[in-house]
Amino acid sequence: MNNRDILNAAKEELTSLDSHLIDVLDIKRPATLAYAKQLAKVISKLSPLLGNMIEFSTVDLLNKHDWNGTGEWVRQDPGFPDALFKSSIIHPNPGIEIKAWFPFATEITARFKDSVTIFAQDNIDMALIAWLPENVIWGKPQIIDVLVVSGKSVAEARDFHYHRPPDYLVFEPEDTSERTANLQQTNTNGYKLQSDKCDAKAASSVVETWGKDAKRYSPAPEYQRLLKTLYGQFVYRLDTNYAKIDRIEHEGIEQFKTRVLNTVFHGMTIKQWSKILSSKDEKKLESALKTIL
């Protein structure tokens, strides 16, 4: 077996988890309609906590598979990727970066900032796990659907989508290879040109001098030096919304989003539930909640 065999087997395990209940927390069934209405308004606030617990549980689920003594999955917290298949036989060790998605949220808020250079050996996948309470707003977390794609493909899609010099720059992390593991930097960052505070046309002229491939992103040191020169000449601000998975425009992720939101769950699509739960129409909300109480 090689690292791709391990990742393919892990993908099969994860994508077969549709409707699987994760016994990490059980939200109590609302005793009254009034309580259910209040719960519907705040259920999304549980998403970060449950998402993290689902990441832990995923490693346990993967280790239920028989890996024929080649190794085992371990949770790295902190560390990248979230799940690493530790093996003395298979090198480089395969890994999975796990992102949980609560589809009632306004968007997939998880970020994917890791440098494309980390995926040079294509031994790390990204798993996006969509989940909801089994009874819409109460019960145990239920996996709705799972997407597993190459981490490299996500990083490349992100860099292609965001990097638009001089208007938008993507920077690689500094070289921290000599630091201890917990201090090493792996995240890229995005910076937006502040055209109201500097000469945007002059910035464009500088980029034109770089040649025909100037706008094609590259993590290469020589290209990063050009970006830093531009950054030093003009005014940029750090983009705090950079690399949200919902905004990367990765084809596989976009298809997955559509599939999940159109999934029928307790009589309605998830998209319909989302609209109703966030609606100000009290009668429509009450009518929908009565069907699950």
C-alpha atoms as a PDB file:
ATOM      1  CA  MET A   1       0.000   0.000   0.000  1.00  0.00           C
ATOM      2  CA  ASN A   2       1.083   3.589  -0.633  1.00  0.00           C
ATOM      3  CA  ASN A   3      -0.219   6.881   0.729  1.00  0.00           C
ATOM      4  CA  ARG A   4      -2.802   7.216  -2.054  1.00  0.00           C
ATOM      5  CA  ASP A   5      -4.174   3.734  -1.254  1.00  0.00           C
ATOM      6  CA  ILE A   6      -4.585   4.820   2.371  1.00  0.00           C
ATOM      7  CA  LEU A   7      -6.316   8.061   1.367  1.00  0.00           C
ATOM      8  CA  ASN A   8      -8.632   6.281  -1.065  1.00  0.00           C
ATOM      9  CA  ALA A   9      -9.640   3.811   1.641  1.00  0.00           C
ATOM     10  CA  ALA A  10     -10.175   6.666   4.102  1.00  0.00           C
ATOM     11  CA  LYS A  11     -12.289   8.466   1.519  1.00  0.00           C
ATOM     12  CA  GLU A  12     -14.509   5.394   1.134  1.00  0.00           C
ATOM     13  CA  GLU A  13     -14.921   5.201   4.894  1.00  0.00           C
ATOM     14  CA  LEU A  14     -15.834   8.880   5.244  1.00  0.00           C
ATOM     15  CA  THR A  15     -18.155   9.152   2.245  1.00  0.00           C
ATOM     16  CA  SER A  16     -20.134   6.148   3.489  1.00  0.00           C
ATOM     17  CA  LEU A  17     -21.078   7.992   6.681  1.00  0.00           C
ATOM     18  CA  ASP A  18     -24.312   9.533   5.339  1.00  0.00           C
ATOM     19  CA  SER A  19     -26.980   9.499   8.088  1.00  0.00           C
ATOM     20  CA  HIS A  20     -24.376   8.389  10.634  1.00  0.00           C
ATOM     21  CA  LEU A  21     -25.053   9.706  14.133  1.00  0.00           C
ATOM     22  CA  ILE A  22     -22.088  10.935  16.170  1.00  0.00           C
ATOM     23  CA  ASP A  23     -22.466  10.310  19.873  1.00  0.00           C
ATOM     24  CA  VAL A  24     -20.640  13.379  21.160  1.00  0.00           C
ATOM     25  CA  LEU A  25     -23.586  15.467  22.330  1.00  0.00           C
ATOM     26  CA  ASP A  26     -27.367  15.165  22.447  1.00  0.00           C
ATOM     27  CA  ILE A  27     -29.462  18.322  22.258  1.00  0.00           C
ATOM     28  CA  LYS A  28     -32.565  17.817  24.363  1.00  0.00           C
ATOM     29  CA  ARG A  29     -35.922  17.777  22.603  1.00  0.00           C
ATOM     30  CA  PRO A  30     -37.755  21.084  23.214  1.00  0.00           C
ATOM     31  CA  ALA A  31     -40.625  20.603  25.631  1.00  0.00           C
ATOM     32  CA  THR A  32     -42.650  23.474  24.172  1.00  0.00           C
ATOM     33  CA  LEU A  33     -43.082  25.245  20.858  1.00  0.00           C
ATOM     34  CA  ALA A  34     -41.867  28.479  22.431  1.00  0.00           C
ATOM     35  CA  TYR A  35     -38.624  26.793  23.505  1.00  0.00           C
ATOM     36  CA  ALA A  36     -38.222  25.287  20.044  1.00  0.00           C
ATOM     37  CA  LYS A  37     -38.518  28.736  18.476  1.00  0.00           C
ATOM     38  CA  GLN A  38     -35.767  30.069  20.706  1.00  0.00           C
ATOM     39  CA  LEU A  39     -33.573  27.035  20.024  1.00  0.00           C
ATOM     40  CA  ALA A  40     -34.040  27.490  16.274  1.00  0.00           C
ATOM     41  CA  LYS A  41     -32.614  31.009  16.568  1.00  0.00           C
ATOM     42  CA  VAL A  42     -29.470  29.993  18.473  1.00  0.00           C
ATOM     43  CA  ILE A  43     -28.701  26.472  17.219  1.00  0.00           C
ATOM     44  CA  SER A  44     -26.027  27.779  14.839  1.00  0.00           C
ATOM     45  CA  LYS A  45     -24.007  28.995  17.839  1.00  0.00           C
ATOM     46  CA  LEU A  46     -23.302  25.364  18.709  1.00  0.00           C
ATOM     47  CA  SER A  47     -21.664  24.815  15.335  1.00  0.00           C
ATOM     48  CA  PRO A  48     -18.041  25.672  16.300  1.00  0.00           C
ATOM     49  CA  LEU A  49     -18.142  23.403  19.361  1.00  0.00           C
ATOM     50  CA  LEU A  50     -19.783  20.459  17.634  1.00  0.00           C
ATOM     51  CA  GLY A  51     -17.646  20.927  14.547  1.00  0.00           C
ATOM     52  CA  ASN A  52     -14.522  20.490  16.649  1.00  0.00           C
ATOM     53  CA  MET A  53     -15.946  17.418  18.365  1.00  0.00           C
ATOM     54  CA  ILE A  54     -16.826  15.924  14.985  1.00  0.00           C
ATOM     55  CA  GLU A  55     -13.194  16.351  13.917  1.00  0.00           C
ATOM     56  CA  PHE A  56     -12.083  14.322  16.931  1.00  0.00           C
ATOM     57  CA  SER A  57     -14.710  11.649  16.282  1.00  0.00           C
ATOM     58  CA  THR A  58     -13.677  11.340  12.650  1.00  0.00           C
ATOM     59  CA  VAL A  59     -10.256  10.038  13.681  1.00  0.00           C
ATOM     60  CA  ASP A  60     -11.908   7.408  15.905  1.00  0.00           C
ATOM     61  CA  LEU A  61     -14.153   6.371  13.017  1.00  0.00           C
ATOM     62  CA  LEU A  62     -11.189   5.987  10.668  1.00  0.00           C
ATOM     63  CA  ASN A  63      -9.381   3.784  13.162  1.00  0.00           C
ATOM     64  CA  LYS A  64     -12.276   1.312  13.167  1.00  0.00           C
ATOM     65  CA  HIS A  65     -11.114   0.316   9.685  1.00  0.00           C
ATOM     66  CA  ASP A  66      -8.549  -2.479   9.440  1.00  0.00           C
ATOM     67  CA  TRP A  67      -5.340  -0.882   8.169  1.00  0.00           C
ATOM     68  CA  ASN A  68      -3.495  -4.218   8.142  1.00  0.00           C
ATOM     69  CA  GLY A  69      -0.923  -3.104  10.681  1.00  0.00           C
ATOM     70  CA  THR A  70       0.452  -0.364   8.420  1.00  0.00           C
ATOM     71  CA  GLY A  71      -0.294   2.420  10.887  1.00  0.00           C
ATOM     72  CA  GLU A  72      -3.054   4.344  12.644  1.00  0.00           C
ATOM     73  CA  TRP A  73      -4.796   7.706  12.425  1.00  0.00           C
ATOM     74  CA  VAL A  74      -3.947  10.283  15.075  1.00  0.00           C
ATOM     75  CA  ARG A  75      -5.550  13.642  15.792  1.00  0.00           C
ATOM     76  CA  GLN A  76      -3.148  16.594  15.652  1.00  0.00           C
ATOM     77  CA  ASP A  77      -4.284  19.510  17.767  1.00  0.00           C
ATOM     78  CA  PRO A  78      -2.621  21.847  17.189  1.00  0.00           C
ATOM     79  CA  GLY A  79      -0.997  20.756  14.002  1.00  0.00           C
ATOM     80  CA  PHE A  80      -1.542  20.179  10.317  1.00  0.00           C
ATOM     81  CA  PRO A  81      -3.261  18.189   8.989  1.00  0.00           C
ATOM     82  CA  ASP A  82      -5.996  17.481  11.535  1.00  0.00           C
ATOM     83  CA  ALA A  83      -5.730  13.723  11.019  1.00  0.00           C
ATOM     84  CA  LEU A  84      -2.399  12.059  10.223  1.00  0.00           C
ATOM     85  CA  PHE A  85      -1.856   8.412   9.373  1.00  0.00           C
ATOM     86  CA  LYS A  86       1.249   7.640  11.404  1.00  0.00           C
ATOM     87  CA  SER A  87       3.188   4.847   9.775  1.00  0.00           C
ATOM     88  CA  SER A  88       6.764   3.616   9.706  1.00  0.00           C
ATOM     89  CA  ILE A  89       6.036   1.868   6.402  1.00  0.00           C
ATOM     90  CA  ILE A  90       4.196   4.426   4.278  1.00  0.00           C
ATOM     91  CA  HIS A  91       5.992   7.646   3.435  1.00  0.00           C
ATOM     92  CA  PRO A  92       5.165  10.440   3.324  1.00  0.00           C
ATOM     93  CA  ASN A  93       2.470   9.852   5.915  1.00  0.00           C
ATOM     94  CA  PRO A  94      -1.005  10.502   4.445  1.00  0.00           C
ATOM     95  CA  GLY A  95      -3.178  13.114   6.120  1.00  0.00           C
ATOM     96  CA  ILE A  96      -6.636  14.633   6.069  1.00  0.00           C
ATOM     97  CA  GLU A  97      -7.523  18.211   6.913  1.00  0.00           C
ATOM     98  CA  ILE A  98     -11.060  18.045   8.334  1.00  0.00           C
ATOM     99  CA  LYS A  99     -13.606  20.848   7.995  1.00  0.00           C
ATOM    100  CA  ALA A 100     -17.096  20.629   9.492  1.00  0.00           C
ATOM    101  CA  TRP A 101     -19.999  22.491   7.873  1.00  0.00           C
ATOM    102  CA  PHE A 102     -23.315  23.369   9.506  1.00  0.00           C
ATOM    103  CA  PRO A 103     -25.552  24.004   6.450  1.00  0.00           C
ATOM    104  CA  PHE A 104     -27.941  26.323   8.301  1.00  0.00           C
ATOM    105  CA  ALA A 105     -25.104  28.846   8.612  1.00  0.00           C
ATOM    106  CA  THR A 106     -25.003  31.702   6.098  1.00  0.00           C
ATOM    107  CA  GLU A 107     -21.871  30.231   4.494  1.00  0.00           C
ATOM    108  CA  ILE A 108     -19.144  27.644   4.964  1.00  0.00           C
ATOM    109  CA  THR A 109     -17.080  29.682   7.383  1.00  0.00           C
ATOM    110  CA  ALA A 110     -14.143  27.263   7.715  1.00  0.00           C
ATOM    111  CA  ARG A 111     -10.942  28.543   6.116  1.00  0.00           C
ATOM    112  CA  PHE A 112      -8.293  26.847   4.046  1.00  0.00           C
ATOM    113  CA  LYS A 113      -5.137  28.945   4.312  1.00  0.00           C
ATOM    114  CA  ASP A 114      -2.356  26.382   4.100  1.00  0.00           C
ATOM    115  CA  SER A 115       0.317  26.987   1.496  1.00  0.00           C
ATOM    116  CA  VAL A 116       0.123  25.020  -1.743  1.00  0.00           C
ATOM    117  CA  THR A 117       3.754  24.020  -1.154  1.00  0.00           C
ATOM    118  CA  ILE A 118       2.658  21.752   1.704  1.00  0.00           C
ATOM    119  CA  PHE A 119       0.735  19.648  -0.804  1.00  0.00           C
ATOM    120  CA  ALA A 120       3.660  19.136  -3.193  1.00  0.00           C
ATOM    121  CA  GLN A 121       3.565  15.358  -2.653  1.00  0.00           C
ATOM    122  CA  ASP A 122      -0.256  15.290  -2.870  1.00  0.00           C
ATOM    123  CA  ASN A 123      -0.451  13.198   0.295  1.00  0.00           C
ATOM    124  CA  ILE A 124      -3.029  15.335   2.109  1.00  0.00           C
ATOM    125  CA  ASP A 125      -6.754  15.441   1.340  1.00  0.00           C
ATOM    126  CA  MET A 126      -9.454  17.760   2.664  1.00  0.00           C
ATOM    127  CA  ALA A 127     -12.677  16.333   4.072  1.00  0.00           C
ATOM    128  CA  LEU A 128     -15.709  18.617   4.287  1.00  0.00           C
ATOM    129  CA  ILE A 129     -18.321  17.097   6.599  1.00  0.00           C
ATOM    130  CA  ALA A 130     -21.855  18.498   6.464  1.00  0.00           C
ATOM    131  CA  TRP A 131     -23.877  17.816   9.603  1.00  0.00           C
ATOM    132  CA  LEU A 132     -27.119  18.799  11.334  1.00  0.00           C
ATOM    133  CA  PRO A 133     -28.937  17.754  14.501  1.00  0.00           C
ATOM    134  CA  GLU A 134     -30.808  14.549  13.652  1.00  0.00           C
ATOM    135  CA  ASN A 135     -34.168  16.265  14.193  1.00  0.00           C
ATOM    136  CA  VAL A 136     -33.280  19.593  12.566  1.00  0.00           C
ATOM    137  CA  ILE A 137     -32.765  21.503  15.825  1.00  0.00           C
ATOM    138  CA  TRP A 138     -32.496  18.735  18.407  1.00  0.00           C
ATOM    139  CA  GLY A 139     -30.930  15.327  18.865  1.00  0.00           C
ATOM    140  CA  LYS A 140     -27.448  14.013  18.137  1.00  0.00           C
ATOM    141  CA  PRO A 141     -25.278  15.380  15.314  1.00  0.00           C
ATOM    142  CA  GLN A 142     -26.050  13.556  12.067  1.00  0.00           C
ATOM    143  CA  ILE A 143     -23.718  13.495   9.097  1.00  0.00           C
ATOM    144  CA  ILE A 144     -25.616  14.630   6.017  1.00  0.00           C
ATOM    145  CA  ASP A 145     -22.909  14.239   3.396  1.00  0.00           C
ATOM    146  CA  VAL A 146     -19.116  14.160   3.085  1.00  0.00           C
ATOM    147  CA  LEU A 147     -16.806  15.501   0.406  1.00  0.00           C
ATOM    148  CA  VAL A 148     -13.179  14.383   0.191  1.00  0.00           C
ATOM    149  CA  VAL A 149     -10.921  16.145  -2.310  1.00  0.00           C
ATOM    150  CA  SER A 150      -7.221  16.679  -2.844  1.00  0.00           C
ATOM    151  CA  GLY A 151      -5.910  19.384  -0.528  1.00  0.00           C
ATOM    152  CA  LYS A 152      -3.648  20.514  -3.331  1.00  0.00           C
ATOM    153  CA  SER A 153      -6.648  21.158  -5.593  1.00  0.00           C
ATOM    154  CA  VAL A 154      -8.261  23.358  -2.926  1.00  0.00           C
ATOM    155  CA  ALA A 155      -5.071  25.378  -2.364  1.00  0.00           C
ATOM    156  CA  GLU A 156      -4.615  25.856  -6.113  1.00  0.00           C
ATOM    157  CA  ALA A 157      -8.249  26.934  -6.565  1.00  0.00           C
ATOM    158  CA  ARG A 158      -7.887  29.421  -3.707  1.00  0.00           C
ATOM    159  CA  ASP A 159      -4.716  30.982  -5.101  1.00  0.00           C
ATOM    160  CA  PHE A 160      -6.193  31.172  -8.608  1.00  0.00           C
ATOM    161  CA  HIS A 161      -9.394  32.779  -7.301  1.00  0.00           C
ATOM    162  CA  TYR A 162      -7.854  35.372  -5.005  1.00  0.00           C
ATOM    163  CA  HIS A 163      -4.545  36.391  -6.543  1.00  0.00           C
ATOM    164  CA  ARG A 164      -5.129  39.406  -8.816  1.00  0.00           C
ATOM    165  CA  PRO A 165      -2.105  41.729  -8.680  1.00  0.00           C
ATOM    166  CA  PRO A 166      -2.011  44.575  -8.034  1.00  0.00           C
ATOM    167  CA  ASP A 167      -5.582  44.577  -6.679  1.00  0.00           C
ATOM    168  CA  TYR A 168      -5.155  41.482  -4.513  1.00  0.00           C
ATOM    169  CA  LEU A 169      -2.015  39.701  -3.368  1.00  0.00           C
ATOM    170  CA  VAL A 170      -1.545  36.249  -1.843  1.00  0.00           C
ATOM    171  CA  PHE A 171       1.560  35.869   0.291  1.00  0.00           C
ATOM    172  CA  GLU A 172       3.303  32.679   1.289  1.00  0.00           C
ATOM    173  CA  PRO A 173       4.257  32.211   4.960  1.00  0.00           C
ATOM    174  CA  GLU A 174       7.758  33.130   6.058  1.00  0.00           C
ATOM    175  CA  ASP A 175      10.407  30.419   6.134  1.00  0.00           C
ATOM    176  CA  THR A 176      10.137  29.045   9.662  1.00  0.00           C
ATOM    177  CA  SER A 177      11.643  25.611   8.980  1.00  0.00           C
ATOM    178  CA  GLU A 178      14.264  26.083  11.697  1.00  0.00           C
ATOM    179  CA  ARG A 179      11.651  26.677  14.379  1.00  0.00           C
ATOM    180  CA  THR A 180      10.102  23.939  16.500  1.00  0.00           C
ATOM    181  CA  ALA A 181       7.016  22.286  15.017  1.00  0.00           C
ATOM    182  CA  ASN A 182       4.535  24.312  17.090  1.00  0.00           C
ATOM    183  CA  LEU A 183       6.053  27.598  15.881  1.00  0.00           C
ATOM    184  CA  GLN A 184       6.265  26.830  12.180  1.00  0.00           C
ATOM    185  CA  GLN A 185       4.057  28.889   9.889  1.00  0.00           C
ATOM    186  CA  THR A 186       2.086  27.243   7.073  1.00  0.00           C
ATOM    187  CA  ASN A 187      -0.663  29.760   6.363  1.00  0.00           C
ATOM    188  CA  THR A 188      -0.903  32.072   3.379  1.00  0.00           C
ATOM    189  CA  ASN A 189      -2.551  35.499   3.717  1.00  0.00           C
ATOM    190  CA  GLY A 190      -4.446  37.788   1.375  1.00  0.00           C
ATOM    191  CA  TYR A 191      -4.022  41.544   1.039  1.00  0.00           C
ATOM    192  CA  LYS A 192      -6.347  44.011  -0.726  1.00  0.00           C
ATOM    193  CA  LEU A 193      -5.083  47.169  -2.418  1.00  0.00           C
ATOM    194  CA  GLN A 194      -6.472  50.364  -0.862  1.00  0.00           C
ATOM    195  CA  SER A 195      -7.024  52.274  -4.102  1.00  0.00           C
ATOM    196  CA  ASP A 196      -8.380  55.305  -2.229  1.00  0.00           C
ATOM    197  CA  LYS A 197      -5.074  55.667  -0.384  1.00  0.00           C
ATOM    198  CA  CYS A 198      -2.576  55.150  -3.213  1.00  0.00           C
ATOM    199  CA  ASP A 199      -2.153  55.334  -6.988  1.00  0.00           C
ATOM    200  CA  ALA A 200      -3.771  52.171  -8.365  1.00  0.00           C
ATOM    201  CA  LYS A 201      -2.731  52.959 -11.949  1.00  0.00           C
ATOM    202  CA  ALA A 202       0.895  53.250 -10.871  1.00  0.00           C
ATOM    203  CA  ALA A 203       0.574  49.865  -9.135  1.00  0.00           C
ATOM    204  CA  SER A 204      -0.769  48.325 -12.362  1.00  0.00           C
ATOM    205  CA  SER A 205       2.154  49.791 -14.281  1.00  0.00           C
ATOM    206  CA  VAL A 206       4.598  48.141 -11.890  1.00  0.00           C
ATOM    207  CA  VAL A 207       2.929  44.757 -12.392  1.00  0.00           C
ATOM    208  CA  GLU A 208       3.097  45.147 -16.177  1.00  0.00           C
ATOM    209  CA  THR A 209       6.881  45.326 -15.938  1.00  0.00           C
ATOM    210  CA  TRP A 210       6.923  41.794 -14.504  1.00  0.00           C
ATOM    211  CA  GLY A 211       6.039  40.214 -17.857  1.00  0.00           C
ATOM    212  CA  LYS A 212       3.170  38.253 -19.399  1.00  0.00           C
ATOM    213  CA  ASP A 213       2.848  35.744 -16.547  1.00  0.00           C
ATOM    214  CA  ALA A 214       2.769  38.445 -13.878  1.00  0.00           C
ATOM    215  CA  LYS A 215      -0.733  37.649 -12.665  1.00  0.00           C
ATOM    216  CA  ARG A 216      -0.230  33.894 -12.444  1.00  0.00           C
ATOM    217  CA  TYR A 217       0.291  32.968  -8.821  1.00  0.00           C
ATOM    218  CA  SER A 218       3.528  31.333  -7.771  1.00  0.00           C
ATOM    219  CA  PRO A 219       4.879  30.395  -4.326  1.00  0.00           C
ATOM    220  CA  ALA A 220       8.429  30.657  -5.715  1.00  0.00           C
ATOM    221  CA  PRO A 221      10.706  32.952  -3.636  1.00  0.00           C
ATOM    222  CA  GLU A 222      11.555  35.183  -6.613  1.00  0.00           C
ATOM    223  CA  TYR A 223       7.879  35.830  -7.328  1.00  0.00           C
ATOM    224  CA  GLN A 224       7.116  36.409  -3.650  1.00  0.00           C
ATOM    225  CA  ARG A 225       9.894  39.026  -3.599  1.00  0.00           C
ATOM    226  CA  LEU A 226       8.147  40.896  -6.410  1.00  0.00           C
ATOM    227  CA  LEU A 227       4.917  40.876  -4.395  1.00  0.00           C
ATOM    228  CA  LYS A 228       6.704  42.205  -1.309  1.00  0.00           C
ATOM    229  CA  THR A 229       8.194  45.016  -3.369  1.00  0.00           C
ATOM    230  CA  LEU A 230       4.717  45.950  -4.579  1.00  0.00           C
ATOM    231  CA  TYR A 231       3.359  45.708  -1.042  1.00  0.00           C
ATOM    232  CA  GLY A 232       6.100  48.061   0.133  1.00  0.00           C
ATOM    233  CA  GLN A 233       5.308  50.683  -2.516  1.00  0.00           C
ATOM    234  CA  PHE A 234       1.525  50.834  -2.188  1.00  0.00           C
ATOM    235  CA  VAL A 235      -1.120  50.634   0.542  1.00  0.00           C
ATOM    236  CA  TYR A 236      -2.636  47.220   1.300  1.00  0.00           C
ATOM    237  CA  ARG A 237      -4.778  45.862   4.104  1.00  0.00           C
ATOM    238  CA  LEU A 238      -5.011  42.336   5.454  1.00  0.00           C
ATOM    239  CA  ASP A 239      -8.224  40.645   4.274  1.00  0.00           C
ATOM    240  CA  THR A 240      -9.811  39.046   7.344  1.00  0.00           C
ATOM    241  CA  ASN A 241     -12.268  37.090   5.177  1.00  0.00           C
ATOM    242  CA  TYR A 242      -9.513  35.548   3.085  1.00  0.00           C
ATOM    243  CA  ALA A 243      -9.678  31.823   2.244  1.00  0.00           C
ATOM    244  CA  LYS A 244     -13.182  31.061   3.515  1.00  0.00           C
ATOM    245  CA  ILE A 245     -14.027  27.770   1.831  1.00  0.00           C
ATOM    246  CA  ASP A 246     -17.345  29.166   0.615  1.00  0.00           C
ATOM    247  CA  ARG A 247     -15.494  31.782  -1.453  1.00  0.00           C
ATOM    248  CA  ILE A 248     -12.706  29.733  -2.999  1.00  0.00           C
ATOM    249  CA  GLU A 249     -14.816  28.648  -5.998  1.00  0.00           C
ATOM    250  CA  HIS A 250     -13.488  25.104  -6.093  1.00  0.00           C
ATOM    251  CA  GLU A 251     -15.648  23.159  -8.554  1.00  0.00           C
ATOM    252  CA  GLY A 252     -16.025  20.098  -6.345  1.00  0.00           C
ATOM    253  CA  ILE A 253     -16.937  22.172  -3.291  1.00  0.00           C
ATOM    254  CA  GLU A 254     -19.508  24.177  -5.264  1.00  0.00           C
ATOM    255  CA  GLN A 255     -21.174  20.976  -6.475  1.00  0.00           C
ATOM    256  CA  PHE A 256     -21.136  19.579  -2.948  1.00  0.00           C
ATOM    257  CA  LYS A 257     -22.776  22.720  -1.544  1.00  0.00           C
ATOM    258  CA  THR A 258     -25.565  22.486  -4.103  1.00  0.00           C
ATOM    259  CA  ARG A 259     -26.089  18.792  -3.382  1.00  0.00           C
ATOM    260  CA  VAL A 260     -26.269  19.284   0.378  1.00  0.00           C
ATOM    261  CA  LEU A 261     -28.606  22.282   0.260  1.00  0.00           C
ATOM    262  CA  ASN A 262     -30.949  20.368  -2.037  1.00  0.00           C
ATOM    263  CA  THR A 263     -30.950  17.283   0.196  1.00  0.00           C
ATOM    264  CA  VAL A 264     -34.415  16.501   1.576  1.00  0.00           C
ATOM    265  CA  PHE A 265     -34.324  16.394   5.372  1.00  0.00           C
ATOM    266  CA  HIS A 266     -37.475  15.833   7.442  1.00  0.00           C
ATOM    267  CA  GLY A 267     -39.797  16.683   4.563  1.00  0.00           C
ATOM    268  CA  MET A 268     -38.044  19.753   3.164  1.00  0.00           C
ATOM    269  CA  THR A 269     -34.758  20.553   1.526  1.00  0.00           C
ATOM    270  CA  ILE A 270     -32.021  21.829   3.822  1.00  0.00           C
ATOM    271  CA  LYS A 271     -32.131  25.129   1.945  1.00  0.00           C
ATOM    272  CA  GLN A 272     -35.861  25.450   2.730  1.00  0.00           C
ATOM    273  CA  TRP A 273     -35.268  24.643   6.400  1.00  0.00           C
ATOM    274  CA  SER A 274     -32.526  27.241   6.543  1.00  0.00           C
ATOM    275  CA  LYS A 275     -34.785  29.945   5.154  1.00  0.00           C
ATOM    276  CA  ILE A 276     -37.631  29.059   7.506  1.00  0.00           C
ATOM    277  CA  LEU A 277     -35.452  28.941  10.625  1.00  0.00           C
ATOM    278  CA  SER A 278     -34.060  32.386   9.856  1.00  0.00           C
ATOM    279  CA  SER A 279     -37.425  33.792   8.765  1.00  0.00           C
ATOM    280  CA  LYS A 280     -39.287  36.499  10.654  1.00  0.00           C
ATOM    281  CA  ASP A 281     -42.563  34.854   9.652  1.00  0.00           C
ATOM    282  CA  GLU A 282     -43.575  33.428  13.040  1.00  0.00           C
ATOM    283  CA  LYS A 283     -46.505  31.400  11.684  1.00  0.00           C
ATOM    284  CA  LYS A 284     -44.380  29.706   9.037  1.00  0.00           C
ATOM    285  CA  LEU A 285     -41.690  28.950  11.630  1.00  0.00           C
ATOM    286  CA  GLU A 286     -44.195  27.514  14.103  1.00  0.00           C
ATOM    287  CA  SER A 287     -45.815  25.363  11.425  1.00  0.00           C
ATOM    288  CA  ALA A 288     -42.459  23.886  10.398  1.00  0.00           C
ATOM    289  CA  LEU A 289     -41.314  23.254  13.981  1.00  0.00           C
ATOM    290  CA  LYS A 290     -44.522  21.389  14.832  1.00  0.00           C
ATOM    291  CA  THR A 291     -43.567  18.738  12.269  1.00  0.00           C
ATOM    292  CA  ILE A 292     -40.431  17.807  14.226  1.00  0.00           C
ATOM    293  CA  LEU A 293     -41.731  18.022  17.778  1.00  0.00           C
END
